[in-house]
Amino acid sequence: MIKLSTAINQLLNNPKASHMLALGKLQNDWVNIVGQHISESTTPSKIVDGRLYIICKNPTWKTELQYQKKELLSKINQSIKIKDIILI
């Protein structure tokens, strides 16, 4: 049997688990990060290779957020560090 502290350290050092924890944090704070209006029309979906995939409610939102991508990336990076946003 391993110590709880060892198990937690292994979990936190696992890249896949750290992405899942980061995504969970982002999903919990989404409305505070992007604002009520954007949060109602988008959902952070997954993080792969430092890229955050965001599901947009419709093509209009996807287009609008393309124009705001730099600002959105800056806001998100205040919470978790990602290198790019992929809008889907």
PDB file of N, CA and C in Angstrom:
ATOM      1  N   MET A   1       0.857  -1.179   0.000  1.00  0.00           N
ATOM      2  CA  MET A   1       0.000   0.000   0.000  1.00  0.00           C
ATOM      3  C   MET A   1       0.900   1.238   0.000  1.00  0.00           C
ATOM      4  N   ILE A   2       0.505   2.267  -0.791  1.00  0.00           N
ATOM      5  CA  ILE A   2       1.304   3.489  -0.845  1.00  0.00           C
ATOM      6  C   ILE A   2       0.668   4.576   0.014  1.00  0.00           C
ATOM      7  N   LYS A   3       1.490   5.521   0.399  1.00  0.00           N
ATOM      8  CA  LYS A   3       1.001   6.640   1.203  1.00  0.00           C
ATOM      9  C   LYS A   3       0.080   7.520   0.363  1.00  0.00           C
ATOM     10  N   LEU A   4      -0.854   8.153   1.028  1.00  0.00           N
ATOM     11  CA  LEU A   4      -1.758   9.073   0.352  1.00  0.00           C
ATOM     12  C   LEU A   4      -0.974  10.208  -0.292  1.00  0.00           C
ATOM     13  N   SER A   5       0.011  10.742   0.395  1.00  0.00           N
ATOM     14  CA  SER A   5       0.808  11.844  -0.153  1.00  0.00           C
ATOM     15  C   SER A   5       1.538  11.419  -1.424  1.00  0.00           C
ATOM     16  N   THR A   6       2.001  10.183  -1.467  1.00  0.00           N
ATOM     17  CA  THR A   6       2.671   9.665  -2.663  1.00  0.00           C
ATOM     18  C   THR A   6       1.680   9.559  -3.816  1.00  0.00           C
ATOM     19  N   ALA A   7       0.506   9.058  -3.537  1.00  0.00           N
ATOM     20  CA  ALA A   7      -0.524   8.927  -4.570  1.00  0.00           C
ATOM     21  C   ALA A   7      -0.927  10.291  -5.118  1.00  0.00           C
ATOM     22  N   ILE A   8      -1.071  11.268  -4.242  1.00  0.00           N
ATOM     23  CA  ILE A   8      -1.440  12.620  -4.677  1.00  0.00           C
ATOM     24  C   ILE A   8      -0.332  13.215  -5.536  1.00  0.00           C
ATOM     25  N   ASN A   9       0.916  13.055  -5.125  1.00  0.00           N
ATOM     26  CA  ASN A   9       2.041  13.561  -5.916  1.00  0.00           C
ATOM     27  C   ASN A   9       2.088  12.910  -7.290  1.00  0.00           C
ATOM     28  N   GLN A  10       1.844  11.614  -7.352  1.00  0.00           N
ATOM     29  CA  GLN A  10       1.827  10.921  -8.641  1.00  0.00           C
ATOM     30  C   GLN A  10       0.709  11.460  -9.525  1.00  0.00           C
ATOM     31  N   LEU A  11      -0.435  11.711  -8.933  1.00  0.00           N
ATOM     32  CA  LEU A  11      -1.560  12.263  -9.678  1.00  0.00           C
ATOM     33  C   LEU A  11      -1.239  13.652 -10.209  1.00  0.00           C
ATOM     34  N   LEU A  12      -0.692  14.504  -9.366  1.00  0.00           N
ATOM     35  CA  LEU A  12      -0.392  15.873  -9.768  1.00  0.00           C
ATOM     36  C   LEU A  12       0.734  15.948 -10.789  1.00  0.00           C
ATOM     37  N   ASN A  13       1.625  14.977 -10.788  1.00  0.00           N
ATOM     38  CA  ASN A  13       2.730  14.964 -11.742  1.00  0.00           C
ATOM     39  C   ASN A  13       2.377  14.269 -13.053  1.00  0.00           C
ATOM     40  N   ASN A  14       1.201  13.684 -13.119  1.00  0.00           N
ATOM     41  CA  ASN A  14       0.733  13.039 -14.340  1.00  0.00           C
ATOM     42  C   ASN A  14       0.202  14.123 -15.279  1.00  0.00           C
ATOM     43  N   PRO A  15       0.812  14.296 -16.474  1.00  0.00           N
ATOM     44  CA  PRO A  15       0.379  15.368 -17.382  1.00  0.00           C
ATOM     45  C   PRO A  15      -1.109  15.309 -17.738  1.00  0.00           C
ATOM     46  N   LYS A  16      -1.632  14.119 -17.956  1.00  0.00           N
ATOM     47  CA  LYS A  16      -3.047  13.998 -18.313  1.00  0.00           C
ATOM     48  C   LYS A  16      -3.930  14.452 -17.154  1.00  0.00           C
ATOM     49  N   ALA A  17      -3.572  14.054 -15.948  1.00  0.00           N
ATOM     50  CA  ALA A  17      -4.355  14.451 -14.777  1.00  0.00           C
ATOM     51  C   ALA A  17      -4.268  15.951 -14.552  1.00  0.00           C
ATOM     52  N   SER A  18      -3.093  16.536 -14.768  1.00  0.00           N
ATOM     53  CA  SER A  18      -2.961  17.977 -14.558  1.00  0.00           C
ATOM     54  C   SER A  18      -3.804  18.752 -15.565  1.00  0.00           C
ATOM     55  N   HIS A  19      -3.924  18.239 -16.802  1.00  0.00           N
ATOM     56  CA  HIS A  19      -4.800  18.879 -17.791  1.00  0.00           C
ATOM     57  C   HIS A  19      -6.259  18.790 -17.353  1.00  0.00           C
ATOM     58  N   MET A  20      -6.630  17.645 -16.793  1.00  0.00           N
ATOM     59  CA  MET A  20      -8.010  17.472 -16.335  1.00  0.00           C
ATOM     60  C   MET A  20      -8.314  18.402 -15.161  1.00  0.00           C
ATOM     61  N   LEU A  21      -7.361  18.537 -14.245  1.00  0.00           N
ATOM     62  CA  LEU A  21      -7.544  19.448 -13.111  1.00  0.00           C
ATOM     63  C   LEU A  21      -7.637  20.892 -13.589  1.00  0.00           C
ATOM     64  N   ALA A  22      -6.784  21.263 -14.547  1.00  0.00           N
ATOM     65  CA  ALA A  22      -6.808  22.622 -15.091  1.00  0.00           C
ATOM     66  C   ALA A  22      -8.137  22.893 -15.789  1.00  0.00           C
ATOM     67  N   LEU A  23      -8.625  21.920 -16.548  1.00  0.00           N
ATOM     68  CA  LEU A  23      -9.905  22.085 -17.234  1.00  0.00           C
ATOM     69  C   LEU A  23     -11.042  22.223 -16.229  1.00  0.00           C
ATOM     70  N   GLY A  24     -11.025  21.425 -15.181  1.00  0.00           N
ATOM     71  CA  GLY A  24     -12.056  21.527 -14.143  1.00  0.00           C
ATOM     72  C   GLY A  24     -12.056  22.888 -13.482  1.00  0.00           C
ATOM     73  N   LYS A  25     -10.864  23.405 -13.191  1.00  0.00           N
ATOM     74  CA  LYS A  25     -10.749  24.741 -12.601  1.00  0.00           C
ATOM     75  C   LYS A  25     -11.313  25.784 -13.559  1.00  0.00           C
ATOM     76  N   LEU A  26     -10.959  25.655 -14.823  1.00  0.00           N
ATOM     77  CA  LEU A  26     -11.429  26.601 -15.830  1.00  0.00           C
ATOM     78  C   LEU A  26     -12.950  26.543 -15.971  1.00  0.00           C
ATOM     79  N   GLN A  27     -13.512  25.346 -16.008  1.00  0.00           N
ATOM     80  CA  GLN A  27     -14.961  25.206 -16.133  1.00  0.00           C
ATOM     81  C   GLN A  27     -15.678  25.808 -14.932  1.00  0.00           C
ATOM     82  N   ASN A  28     -15.128  25.625 -13.741  1.00  0.00           N
ATOM     83  CA  ASN A  28     -15.744  26.193 -12.539  1.00  0.00           C
ATOM     84  C   ASN A  28     -15.705  27.711 -12.528  1.00  0.00           C
ATOM     85  N   ASP A  29     -14.633  28.286 -13.063  1.00  0.00           N
ATOM     86  CA  ASP A  29     -14.448  29.739 -13.039  1.00  0.00           C
ATOM     87  C   ASP A  29     -14.846  30.421 -14.343  1.00  0.00           C
ATOM     88  N   TRP A  30     -15.400  29.679 -15.298  1.00  0.00           N
ATOM     89  CA  TRP A  30     -15.632  30.170 -16.652  1.00  0.00           C
ATOM     90  C   TRP A  30     -16.392  31.497 -16.685  1.00  0.00           C
ATOM     91  N   VAL A  31     -17.484  31.599 -15.958  1.00  0.00           N
ATOM     92  CA  VAL A  31     -18.284  32.829 -15.980  1.00  0.00           C
ATOM     93  C   VAL A  31     -17.469  34.015 -15.456  1.00  0.00           C
ATOM     94  N   ASN A  32     -16.622  33.797 -14.463  1.00  0.00           N
ATOM     95  CA  ASN A  32     -15.797  34.877 -13.921  1.00  0.00           C
ATOM     96  C   ASN A  32     -14.668  35.262 -14.869  1.00  0.00           C
ATOM     97  N   ILE A  33     -14.200  34.319 -15.654  1.00  0.00           N
ATOM     98  CA  ILE A  33     -13.089  34.573 -16.569  1.00  0.00           C
ATOM     99  C   ILE A  33     -13.561  35.311 -17.816  1.00  0.00           C
ATOM    100  N   VAL A  34     -14.620  34.827 -18.443  1.00  0.00           N
ATOM    101  CA  VAL A  34     -15.046  35.390 -19.730  1.00  0.00           C
ATOM    102  C   VAL A  34     -16.277  36.287 -19.638  1.00  0.00           C
ATOM    103  N   GLY A  35     -16.952  36.282 -18.507  1.00  0.00           N
ATOM    104  CA  GLY A  35     -18.156  37.090 -18.359  1.00  0.00           C
ATOM    105  C   GLY A  35     -19.416  36.291 -18.643  1.00  0.00           C
ATOM    106  N   GLN A  36     -20.519  36.788 -18.126  1.00  0.00           N
ATOM    107  CA  GLN A  36     -21.806  36.100 -18.225  1.00  0.00           C
ATOM    108  C   GLN A  36     -22.235  35.872 -19.677  1.00  0.00           C
ATOM    109  N   HIS A  37     -22.126  36.908 -20.488  1.00  0.00           N
ATOM    110  CA  HIS A  37     -22.618  36.852 -21.869  1.00  0.00           C
ATOM    111  C   HIS A  37     -21.908  35.759 -22.679  1.00  0.00           C
ATOM    112  N   ILE A  38     -20.587  35.746 -22.630  1.00  0.00           N
ATOM    113  CA  ILE A  38     -19.826  34.744 -23.382  1.00  0.00           C
ATOM    114  C   ILE A  38     -19.999  33.356 -22.770  1.00  0.00           C
ATOM    115  N   SER A  39     -20.040  33.277 -21.446  1.00  0.00           N
ATOM    116  CA  SER A  39     -20.137  31.965 -20.791  1.00  0.00           C
ATOM    117  C   SER A  39     -21.448  31.249 -21.114  1.00  0.00           C
ATOM    118  N   GLU A  40     -22.490  32.006 -21.392  1.00  0.00           N
ATOM    119  CA  GLU A  40     -23.781  31.391 -21.736  1.00  0.00           C
ATOM    120  C   GLU A  40     -23.763  30.757 -23.124  1.00  0.00           C
ATOM    121  N   SER A  41     -22.793  31.146 -23.957  1.00  0.00           N
ATOM    122  CA  SER A  41     -22.758  30.664 -25.339  1.00  0.00           C
ATOM    123  C   SER A  41     -21.536  29.822 -25.665  1.00  0.00           C
ATOM    124  N   THR A  42     -20.717  29.528 -24.662  1.00  0.00           N
ATOM    125  CA  THR A  42     -19.503  28.749 -24.886  1.00  0.00           C
ATOM    126  C   THR A  42     -19.267  27.773 -23.740  1.00  0.00           C
ATOM    127  N   THR A  43     -18.486  26.735 -24.040  1.00  0.00           N
ATOM    128  CA  THR A  43     -18.106  25.759 -23.020  1.00  0.00           C
ATOM    129  C   THR A  43     -16.665  25.327 -23.260  1.00  0.00           C
ATOM    130  N   PRO A  44     -15.798  25.467 -22.251  1.00  0.00           N
ATOM    131  CA  PRO A  44     -14.449  24.912 -22.403  1.00  0.00           C
ATOM    132  C   PRO A  44     -14.545  23.387 -22.408  1.00  0.00           C
ATOM    133  N   SER A  45     -14.018  22.763 -23.444  1.00  0.00           N
ATOM    134  CA  SER A  45     -14.241  21.341 -23.664  1.00  0.00           C
ATOM    135  C   SER A  45     -13.073  20.450 -23.252  1.00  0.00           C
ATOM    136  N   LYS A  46     -11.874  20.794 -23.715  1.00  0.00           N
ATOM    137  CA  LYS A  46     -10.710  19.959 -23.409  1.00  0.00           C
ATOM    138  C   LYS A  46      -9.441  20.770 -23.607  1.00  0.00           C
ATOM    139  N   ILE A  47      -8.353  20.262 -23.039  1.00  0.00           N
ATOM    140  CA  ILE A  47      -7.032  20.847 -23.233  1.00  0.00           C
ATOM    141  C   ILE A  47      -6.147  19.751 -23.804  1.00  0.00           C
ATOM    142  N   VAL A  48      -5.584  20.015 -24.977  1.00  0.00           N
ATOM    143  CA  VAL A  48      -4.699  19.061 -25.638  1.00  0.00           C
ATOM    144  C   VAL A  48      -3.459  19.811 -26.107  1.00  0.00           C
ATOM    145  N   ASP A  49      -2.303  19.357 -25.685  1.00  0.00           N
ATOM    146  CA  ASP A  49      -1.029  19.973 -26.079  1.00  0.00           C
ATOM    147  C   ASP A  49      -1.013  21.476 -25.849  1.00  0.00           C
ATOM    148  N   GLY A  50      -1.562  21.902 -24.719  1.00  0.00           N
ATOM    149  CA  GLY A  50      -1.548  23.320 -24.377  1.00  0.00           C
ATOM    150  C   GLY A  50      -2.579  24.158 -25.109  1.00  0.00           C
ATOM    151  N   ARG A  51      -3.454  23.514 -25.839  1.00  0.00           N
ATOM    152  CA  ARG A  51      -4.507  24.221 -26.577  1.00  0.00           C
ATOM    153  C   ARG A  51      -5.859  23.947 -25.916  1.00  0.00           C
ATOM    154  N   LEU A  52      -6.584  25.025 -25.667  1.00  0.00           N
ATOM    155  CA  LEU A  52      -7.916  24.912 -25.074  1.00  0.00           C
ATOM    156  C   LEU A  52      -8.949  24.889 -26.187  1.00  0.00           C
ATOM    157  N   TYR A  53      -9.776  23.868 -26.192  1.00  0.00           N
ATOM    158  CA  TYR A  53     -10.858  23.754 -27.167  1.00  0.00           C
ATOM    159  C   TYR A  53     -12.129  24.293 -26.526  1.00  0.00           C
ATOM    160  N   ILE A  54     -12.747  25.244 -27.206  1.00  0.00           N
ATOM    161  CA  ILE A  54     -13.966  25.875 -26.704  1.00  0.00           C
ATOM    162  C   ILE A  54     -15.100  25.593 -27.684  1.00  0.00           C
ATOM    163  N   ILE A  55     -16.174  25.020 -27.179  1.00  0.00           N
ATOM    164  CA  ILE A  55     -17.359  24.761 -27.998  1.00  0.00           C
ATOM    165  C   ILE A  55     -18.214  26.023 -28.001  1.00  0.00           C
ATOM    166  N   CYS A  56     -18.529  26.495 -29.197  1.00  0.00           N
ATOM    167  CA  CYS A  56     -19.370  27.685 -29.353  1.00  0.00           C
ATOM    168  C   CYS A  56     -20.791  27.252 -29.698  1.00  0.00           C
ATOM    169  N   LYS A  57     -21.747  27.998 -29.177  1.00  0.00           N
ATOM    170  CA  LYS A  57     -23.166  27.681 -29.340  1.00  0.00           C
ATOM    171  C   LYS A  57     -23.579  27.651 -30.815  1.00  0.00           C
ATOM    172  N   ASN A  58     -23.005  28.535 -31.613  1.00  0.00           N
ATOM    173  CA  ASN A  58     -23.349  28.608 -33.029  1.00  0.00           C
ATOM    174  C   ASN A  58     -22.215  29.288 -33.801  1.00  0.00           C
ATOM    175  N   PRO A  59     -22.271  29.259 -35.132  1.00  0.00           N
ATOM    176  CA  PRO A  59     -21.202  29.855 -35.940  1.00  0.00           C
ATOM    177  C   PRO A  59     -21.015  31.361 -35.712  1.00  0.00           C
ATOM    178  N   THR A  60     -22.077  32.047 -35.354  1.00  0.00           N
ATOM    179  CA  THR A  60     -21.972  33.483 -35.092  1.00  0.00           C
ATOM    180  C   THR A  60     -21.060  33.737 -33.898  1.00  0.00           C
ATOM    181  N   TRP A  61     -21.229  32.955 -32.845  1.00  0.00           N
ATOM    182  CA  TRP A  61     -20.365  33.097 -31.673  1.00  0.00           C
ATOM    183  C   TRP A  61     -18.932  32.728 -32.005  1.00  0.00           C
ATOM    184  N   LYS A  62     -18.754  31.705 -32.802  1.00  0.00           N
ATOM    185  CA  LYS A  62     -17.402  31.304 -33.193  1.00  0.00           C
ATOM    186  C   LYS A  62     -16.700  32.448 -33.925  1.00  0.00           C
ATOM    187  N   THR A  63     -17.403  33.082 -34.844  1.00  0.00           N
ATOM    188  CA  THR A  63     -16.839  34.213 -35.589  1.00  0.00           C
ATOM    189  C   THR A  63     -16.537  35.379 -34.662  1.00  0.00           C
ATOM    190  N   GLU A  64     -17.463  35.704 -33.786  1.00  0.00           N
ATOM    191  CA  GLU A  64     -17.267  36.814 -32.848  1.00  0.00           C
ATOM    192  C   GLU A  64     -16.046  36.577 -31.965  1.00  0.00           C
ATOM    193  N   LEU A  65     -15.904  35.360 -31.473  1.00  0.00           N
ATOM    194  CA  LEU A  65     -14.785  35.063 -30.580  1.00  0.00           C
ATOM    195  C   LEU A  65     -13.453  34.995 -31.321  1.00  0.00           C
ATOM    196  N   GLN A  66     -13.489  34.729 -32.623  1.00  0.00           N
ATOM    197  CA  GLN A  66     -12.250  34.798 -33.411  1.00  0.00           C
ATOM    198  C   GLN A  66     -11.673  36.214 -33.338  1.00  0.00           C
ATOM    199  N   TYR A  67     -12.550  37.214 -33.380  1.00  0.00           N
ATOM    200  CA  TYR A  67     -12.108  38.609 -33.292  1.00  0.00           C
ATOM    201  C   TYR A  67     -11.593  38.946 -31.891  1.00  0.00           C
ATOM    202  N   GLN A  68     -12.097  38.263 -30.888  1.00  0.00           N
ATOM    203  CA  GLN A  68     -11.713  38.528 -29.499  1.00  0.00           C
ATOM    204  C   GLN A  68     -10.682  37.526 -28.969  1.00  0.00           C
ATOM    205  N   LYS A  69     -10.126  36.717 -29.839  1.00  0.00           N
ATOM    206  CA  LYS A  69      -9.275  35.605 -29.423  1.00  0.00           C
ATOM    207  C   LYS A  69      -8.083  36.050 -28.566  1.00  0.00           C
ATOM    208  N   LYS A  70      -7.407  37.110 -28.958  1.00  0.00           N
ATOM    209  CA  LYS A  70      -6.234  37.573 -28.213  1.00  0.00           C
ATOM    210  C   LYS A  70      -6.619  38.004 -26.795  1.00  0.00           C
ATOM    211  N   GLU A  71      -7.703  38.760 -26.680  1.00  0.00           N
ATOM    212  CA  GLU A  71      -8.186  39.209 -25.367  1.00  0.00           C
ATOM    213  C   GLU A  71      -8.659  38.019 -24.525  1.00  0.00           C
ATOM    214  N   LEU A  72      -9.357  37.097 -25.155  1.00  0.00           N
ATOM    215  CA  LEU A  72      -9.852  35.902 -24.471  1.00  0.00           C
ATOM    216  C   LEU A  72      -8.687  35.051 -23.952  1.00  0.00           C
ATOM    217  N   LEU A  73      -7.669  34.878 -24.777  1.00  0.00           N
ATOM    218  CA  LEU A  73      -6.488  34.116 -24.374  1.00  0.00           C
ATOM    219  C   LEU A  73      -5.806  34.766 -23.173  1.00  0.00           C
ATOM    220  N   SER A  74      -5.727  36.078 -23.188  1.00  0.00           N
ATOM    221  CA  SER A  74      -5.120  36.811 -22.074  1.00  0.00           C
ATOM    222  C   SER A  74      -5.901  36.590 -20.778  1.00  0.00           C
ATOM    223  N   LYS A  75      -7.221  36.654 -20.848  1.00  0.00           N
ATOM    224  CA  LYS A  75      -8.063  36.437 -19.665  1.00  0.00           C
ATOM    225  C   LYS A  75      -7.912  35.012 -19.129  1.00  0.00           C
ATOM    226  N   ILE A  76      -7.915  34.046 -20.027  1.00  0.00           N
ATOM    227  CA  ILE A  76      -7.803  32.641 -19.622  1.00  0.00           C
ATOM    228  C   ILE A  76      -6.441  32.374 -18.990  1.00  0.00           C
ATOM    229  N   ASN A  77      -5.392  32.974 -19.548  1.00  0.00           N
ATOM    230  CA  ASN A  77      -4.039  32.757 -19.028  1.00  0.00           C
ATOM    231  C   ASN A  77      -3.834  33.344 -17.640  1.00  0.00           C
ATOM    232  N   GLN A  78      -4.732  34.174 -17.181  1.00  0.00           N
ATOM    233  CA  GLN A  78      -4.667  34.654 -15.806  1.00  0.00           C
ATOM    234  C   GLN A  78      -5.105  33.557 -14.834  1.00  0.00           C
ATOM    235  N   SER A  79      -5.861  32.589 -15.342  1.00  0.00           N
ATOM    236  CA  SER A  79      -6.338  31.476 -14.516  1.00  0.00           C
ATOM    237  C   SER A  79      -5.472  30.230 -14.704  1.00  0.00           C
ATOM    238  N   ILE A  80      -5.311  29.810 -15.953  1.00  0.00           N
ATOM    239  CA  ILE A  80      -4.438  28.674 -16.282  1.00  0.00           C
ATOM    240  C   ILE A  80      -3.615  29.059 -17.501  1.00  0.00           C
ATOM    241  N   LYS A  81      -2.486  28.422 -17.669  1.00  0.00           N
ATOM    242  CA  LYS A  81      -1.605  28.741 -18.793  1.00  0.00           C
ATOM    243  C   LYS A  81      -1.894  27.818 -19.971  1.00  0.00           C
ATOM    244  N   ILE A  82      -2.285  28.443 -21.090  1.00  0.00           N
ATOM    245  CA  ILE A  82      -2.474  27.721 -22.346  1.00  0.00           C
ATOM    246  C   ILE A  82      -1.775  28.514 -23.442  1.00  0.00           C
ATOM    247  N   LYS A  83      -1.473  27.855 -24.559  1.00  0.00           N
ATOM    248  CA  LYS A  83      -0.771  28.565 -25.621  1.00  0.00           C
ATOM    249  C   LYS A  83      -1.678  28.974 -26.776  1.00  0.00           C
ATOM    250  N   ASP A  84      -2.855  28.379 -26.867  1.00  0.00           N
ATOM    251  CA  ASP A  84      -3.752  28.730 -27.969  1.00  0.00           C
ATOM    252  C   ASP A  84      -5.183  28.327 -27.626  1.00  0.00           C
ATOM    253  N   ILE A  85      -6.103  28.905 -28.368  1.00  0.00           N
ATOM    254  CA  ILE A  85      -7.526  28.586 -28.237  1.00  0.00           C
ATOM    255  C   ILE A  85      -8.002  28.064 -29.584  1.00  0.00           C
ATOM    256  N   ILE A  86      -8.719  26.965 -29.560  1.00  0.00           N
ATOM    257  CA  ILE A  86      -9.341  26.409 -30.754  1.00  0.00           C
ATOM    258  C   ILE A  86     -10.848  26.512 -30.555  1.00  0.00           C
ATOM    259  N   LEU A  87     -11.501  27.251 -31.429  1.00  0.00           N
ATOM    260  CA  LEU A  87     -12.956  27.440 -31.332  1.00  0.00           C
ATOM    261  C   LEU A  87     -13.647  26.431 -32.234  1.00  0.00           C
ATOM    262  N   ILE A  88     -14.591  25.690 -31.649  1.00  0.00           N
ATOM    263  CA  ILE A  88     -15.320  24.676 -32.423  1.00  0.00           C
ATOM    264  C   ILE A  88     -16.812  24.860 -32.243  1.00  0.00           C
TER     265      ILE A  88
END
